Amino acid sequence: MLQRSCLMVFALVLAGCGINKTVSTSTSSTSTTLVGQVANPFTVANYLRLTGWANYSFISTSGANTTTPNKVIGEVYDPSNFRVYISSTGVTTIAASGTAFDVVHNRVTEIKLPKYYLNQMGVGAAASLFVNGLRSVGEYLQRDGSCTVLGRVGDLYLEGNMLAKVSLTTRACIDKETGALLSLEQGLGGVSSPQSQTYRFEVTSIGETSPITPPKNL
């Protein structure tokens, strides 16, 4: 089986989302909520709401400012039928008809897919990182106005840490109608991290993905 991308490891530490050219923001109203207060809306219990997209496509990028970013591009028809491409490995992983495949350089290999593979790649990865970050000591959450992705209006939130030696900030756009994550962007830098790093995630379509068929041996 081909090795899974290092993005899985990177994403468990650093996450972020939102491609700037498709996200517009305004800051008409702001309020600050510290983690631990009842008013904090982003707890583990809200994870399923944040990951509520059933049929969608996405793109995420990650890497340091001195390297070529790794891209992950995905099309999800449903949780058991999807296609994910990882630029750092050149591997396209396809789940269809109850079977999973890796496709690289026109070679198709049937694989056993990890149970939570899609959660580590799609909206689940960004949402879990956002929620888990809010559990850290010194973390704060600030309402930062509104945002728009794919024509959908969302609430923009800013997450940061008042105690960390690194500069770590996250901006997340949460769909106003469904509560699902539209985009997220996180940047890491500061004393303990001289090379700035970023992780970006964005939903690129909703309800437009067609069923994905198993690949043919080429």
Protein backbone atom coordinates (compact mmCIF):
# COMPACT_ATOMS: atom_id res chain seq x y z
CA MET A 1 0.00 0.00 0.00
CA LEU A 2 1.29 3.41 -0.81
CA GLN A 3 2.17 5.66 2.10
CA ARG A 4 -0.46 8.19 3.13
CA SER A 5 0.54 11.85 2.86
CA CYS A 6 2.44 13.63 5.60
CA LEU A 7 -0.44 16.11 5.60
CA MET A 8 -2.22 13.85 8.09
CA VAL A 9 0.58 14.46 10.61
CA PHE A 10 0.90 18.15 9.80
CA ALA A 11 -2.85 18.66 10.00
CA LEU A 12 -3.01 17.31 13.53
CA VAL A 13 -0.75 20.16 14.65
CA LEU A 14 -1.51 23.02 12.29
CA ALA A 15 -4.74 23.77 10.53
CA GLY A 16 -6.31 26.57 8.63
CA CYS A 17 -8.64 27.44 5.90
CA GLY A 18 -10.19 29.84 3.49
CA ILE A 19 -8.85 30.85 0.12
CA ASN A 20 -8.65 34.63 0.32
CA LYS A 21 -9.90 35.38 -3.17
CA THR A 22 -13.30 33.82 -2.43
CA VAL A 23 -13.79 34.99 1.13
CA SER A 24 -15.02 38.49 1.82
CA THR A 25 -15.25 39.75 5.41
CA SER A 26 -16.72 42.60 7.36
CA THR A 27 -16.32 43.54 11.02
CA SER A 28 -19.54 45.29 11.87
CA SER A 29 -19.75 43.60 15.27
CA THR A 30 -17.18 41.85 17.44
CA SER A 31 -17.27 40.11 20.78
CA THR A 32 -14.77 37.95 22.64
CA THR A 33 -15.51 34.59 24.26
CA LEU A 34 -12.89 32.78 26.32
CA VAL A 35 -12.74 29.01 26.25
CA GLY A 36 -14.45 27.44 29.23
CA GLN A 37 -17.37 29.84 29.27
CA VAL A 38 -20.80 28.48 28.45
CA ALA A 39 -21.13 30.94 25.56
CA ASN A 40 -18.33 29.22 23.61
CA PRO A 41 -20.23 27.58 20.70
CA PHE A 42 -17.40 25.36 19.44
CA THR A 43 -17.11 22.26 21.61
CA VAL A 44 -16.55 18.63 20.70
CA ALA A 45 -20.33 18.17 20.75
CA ASN A 46 -20.58 20.59 17.80
CA TYR A 47 -18.11 18.65 15.63
CA LEU A 48 -20.83 16.92 13.59
CA ARG A 49 -22.48 20.23 12.82
CA LEU A 50 -19.20 21.73 11.62
CA THR A 51 -18.68 18.73 9.33
CA GLY A 52 -22.26 18.76 8.05
CA TRP A 53 -21.53 18.84 4.30
CA ALA A 54 -22.61 15.53 2.73
CA ASN A 55 -21.90 16.27 -0.94
CA TYR A 56 -19.07 18.75 -1.52
CA SER A 57 -15.60 19.37 -2.91
CA PHE A 58 -12.66 21.02 -1.19
CA ILE A 59 -9.06 22.15 -1.44
CA SER A 60 -6.48 22.50 1.31
CA THR A 61 -2.88 23.69 1.23
CA SER A 62 -0.16 23.46 3.84
CA GLY A 63 3.53 24.22 4.22
CA ALA A 64 6.24 26.65 5.29
CA ASN A 65 6.77 29.95 3.54
CA THR A 66 10.06 28.68 2.04
CA THR A 67 8.67 25.51 0.48
CA THR A 68 6.22 24.53 -2.22
CA PRO A 69 2.89 23.99 -0.45
CA ASN A 70 1.28 20.59 -0.38
CA LYS A 71 -2.20 20.55 -1.90
CA VAL A 72 -5.05 18.19 -1.17
CA ILE A 73 -7.98 18.32 -3.58
CA GLY A 74 -11.09 16.29 -2.87
CA GLU A 75 -14.50 15.48 -4.31
CA VAL A 76 -16.98 13.87 -1.92
CA TYR A 77 -20.24 12.39 -3.18
CA ASP A 78 -20.87 10.79 0.20
CA PRO A 79 -18.66 9.47 3.05
CA SER A 80 -18.09 6.16 1.23
CA ASN A 81 -17.75 7.54 -2.31
CA PHE A 82 -14.99 10.10 -2.87
CA ARG A 83 -11.76 11.03 -4.65
CA VAL A 84 -8.76 12.72 -2.97
CA TYR A 85 -5.56 13.87 -4.71
CA ILE A 86 -2.37 14.70 -2.74
CA SER A 87 0.21 16.75 -4.60
CA SER A 88 3.21 15.82 -2.42
CA THR A 89 2.87 12.14 -3.32
CA GLY A 90 1.08 12.37 -6.65
CA VAL A 91 -1.42 9.81 -5.34
CA THR A 92 -5.15 9.90 -6.03
CA THR A 93 -7.19 7.82 -3.59
CA ILE A 94 -10.64 6.69 -4.70
CA ALA A 95 -13.37 5.03 -2.66
CA ALA A 96 -16.19 3.58 -4.76
CA SER A 97 -18.50 0.55 -4.74
CA GLY A 98 -17.23 -0.57 -1.35
CA THR A 99 -13.59 -0.74 -2.51
CA ALA A 100 -10.68 1.70 -2.29
CA PHE A 101 -7.85 2.32 -4.76
CA ASP A 102 -4.66 4.30 -5.07
CA VAL A 103 -3.89 5.68 -8.52
CA VAL A 104 -0.39 6.98 -9.30
CA HIS A 105 1.36 7.30 -12.67
CA ASN A 106 -1.55 5.47 -14.36
CA ARG A 107 -1.11 2.50 -12.03
CA VAL A 108 -4.15 1.36 -10.05
CA THR A 109 -3.70 -0.53 -6.77
CA GLU A 110 -6.53 -1.81 -4.61
CA ILE A 111 -5.98 -0.85 -0.96
CA LYS A 112 -7.53 -1.16 2.47
CA LEU A 113 -8.49 2.34 3.42
CA PRO A 114 -8.14 3.46 7.06
CA LYS A 115 -11.56 3.83 8.68
CA TYR A 116 -11.24 7.56 9.29
CA TYR A 117 -9.27 8.45 6.18
CA LEU A 118 -11.73 11.06 4.90
CA ASN A 119 -11.93 12.71 8.33
CA GLN A 120 -8.18 13.32 8.10
CA MET A 121 -8.44 14.95 4.69
CA GLY A 122 -11.69 16.85 4.21
CA VAL A 123 -13.81 19.17 6.30
CA GLY A 124 -13.44 16.79 9.25
CA ALA A 125 -9.72 17.55 9.54
CA ALA A 126 -10.18 21.32 9.61
CA ALA A 127 -13.16 21.13 11.96
CA SER A 128 -11.45 18.85 14.48
CA LEU A 129 -8.37 21.08 14.54
CA PHE A 130 -10.51 24.14 15.13
CA VAL A 131 -12.43 22.48 17.98
CA ASN A 132 -9.34 20.89 19.59
CA GLY A 133 -7.46 24.19 19.45
CA LEU A 134 -10.15 25.81 21.57
CA ARG A 135 -9.42 23.36 24.38
CA SER A 136 -5.87 24.70 24.86
CA VAL A 137 -4.97 26.80 27.90
CA GLY A 138 -5.02 30.50 27.07
CA GLU A 139 -7.01 30.03 23.89
CA TYR A 140 -9.61 32.66 23.03
CA LEU A 141 -12.39 32.94 20.47
CA GLN A 142 -13.54 36.25 19.00
CA ARG A 143 -16.48 36.95 16.74
CA ASP A 144 -15.05 38.96 13.84
CA GLY A 145 -18.01 39.93 11.67
CA SER A 146 -19.29 38.11 8.59
CA CYS A 147 -17.85 36.20 5.63
CA THR A 148 -19.00 34.84 2.27
CA VAL A 149 -17.90 31.64 0.51
CA LEU A 150 -19.60 30.31 -2.65
CA GLY A 151 -22.24 32.97 -2.19
CA ARG A 152 -23.16 31.59 1.24
CA VAL A 153 -23.11 33.99 4.18
CA GLY A 154 -21.27 32.89 7.30
CA ASP A 155 -20.04 34.11 10.67
CA LEU A 156 -16.31 34.83 10.86
CA TYR A 157 -14.43 33.77 13.99
CA LEU A 158 -10.89 34.55 15.09
CA GLU A 159 -9.10 32.08 17.36
CA GLY A 160 -5.78 32.74 19.09
CA ASN A 161 -3.74 32.02 22.20
CA MET A 162 -2.70 34.61 24.80
CA LEU A 163 -0.01 32.41 26.40
CA ALA A 164 1.76 30.67 23.51
CA LYS A 165 5.36 31.56 22.58
CA VAL A 166 4.41 31.17 18.94
CA SER A 167 2.07 33.38 16.98
CA LEU A 168 -0.83 31.10 16.12
CA THR A 169 -4.03 32.55 14.74
CA THR A 170 -7.00 30.95 13.05
CA ARG A 171 -9.84 32.45 11.07
CA ALA A 172 -12.87 30.26 10.42
CA CYS A 173 -15.95 30.98 8.33
CA ILE A 174 -18.99 29.09 9.66
CA ASP A 175 -22.07 28.83 7.44
CA LYS A 176 -24.88 30.85 9.03
CA GLU A 177 -27.67 28.55 7.80
CA THR A 178 -26.20 25.11 8.61
CA GLY A 179 -23.37 25.74 11.07
CA ALA A 180 -20.96 23.82 8.81
CA LEU A 181 -17.38 24.94 8.16
CA LEU A 182 -16.94 26.85 4.89
CA SER A 183 -13.29 27.82 5.23
CA LEU A 184 -10.46 28.00 7.69
CA GLU A 185 -6.99 29.52 7.63
CA GLN A 186 -4.29 29.20 10.25
CA GLY A 187 -0.83 30.74 10.42
CA LEU A 188 2.05 29.75 12.71
CA GLY A 189 5.16 31.80 13.47
CA GLY A 190 6.98 33.58 16.28
CA VAL A 191 9.95 32.89 18.57
CA SER A 192 9.61 29.10 18.60
CA SER A 193 8.83 28.87 14.89
CA PRO A 194 11.09 31.14 12.81
CA GLN A 195 9.65 29.77 9.56
CA SER A 196 6.06 30.85 9.19
CA GLN A 197 3.68 28.06 8.23
CA THR A 198 0.13 28.10 7.01
CA TYR A 199 -2.73 25.68 6.52
CA ARG A 200 -5.75 26.65 4.44
CA PHE A 201 -8.98 24.80 3.78
CA GLU A 202 -11.97 25.80 1.69
CA VAL A 203 -15.14 24.20 0.44
CA THR A 204 -15.15 24.71 -3.35
CA SER A 205 -18.61 23.35 -4.22
CA ILE A 206 -21.71 22.14 -2.40
CA GLY A 207 -24.21 19.62 -3.78
CA GLU A 208 -22.54 19.40 -7.21
CA THR A 209 -20.38 16.25 -6.95
CA SER A 210 -21.47 13.31 -9.12
CA PRO A 211 -21.09 9.65 -8.09
CA ILE A 212 -17.48 8.51 -8.45
CA THR A 213 -16.83 5.24 -10.27
CA PRO A 214 -13.97 2.77 -9.62
CA PRO A 215 -10.85 3.46 -11.69
CA LYS A 216 -9.80 1.36 -14.65
CA ASN A 217 -6.35 -0.15 -14.96
CA LEU A 218 -4.58 2.04 -17.51
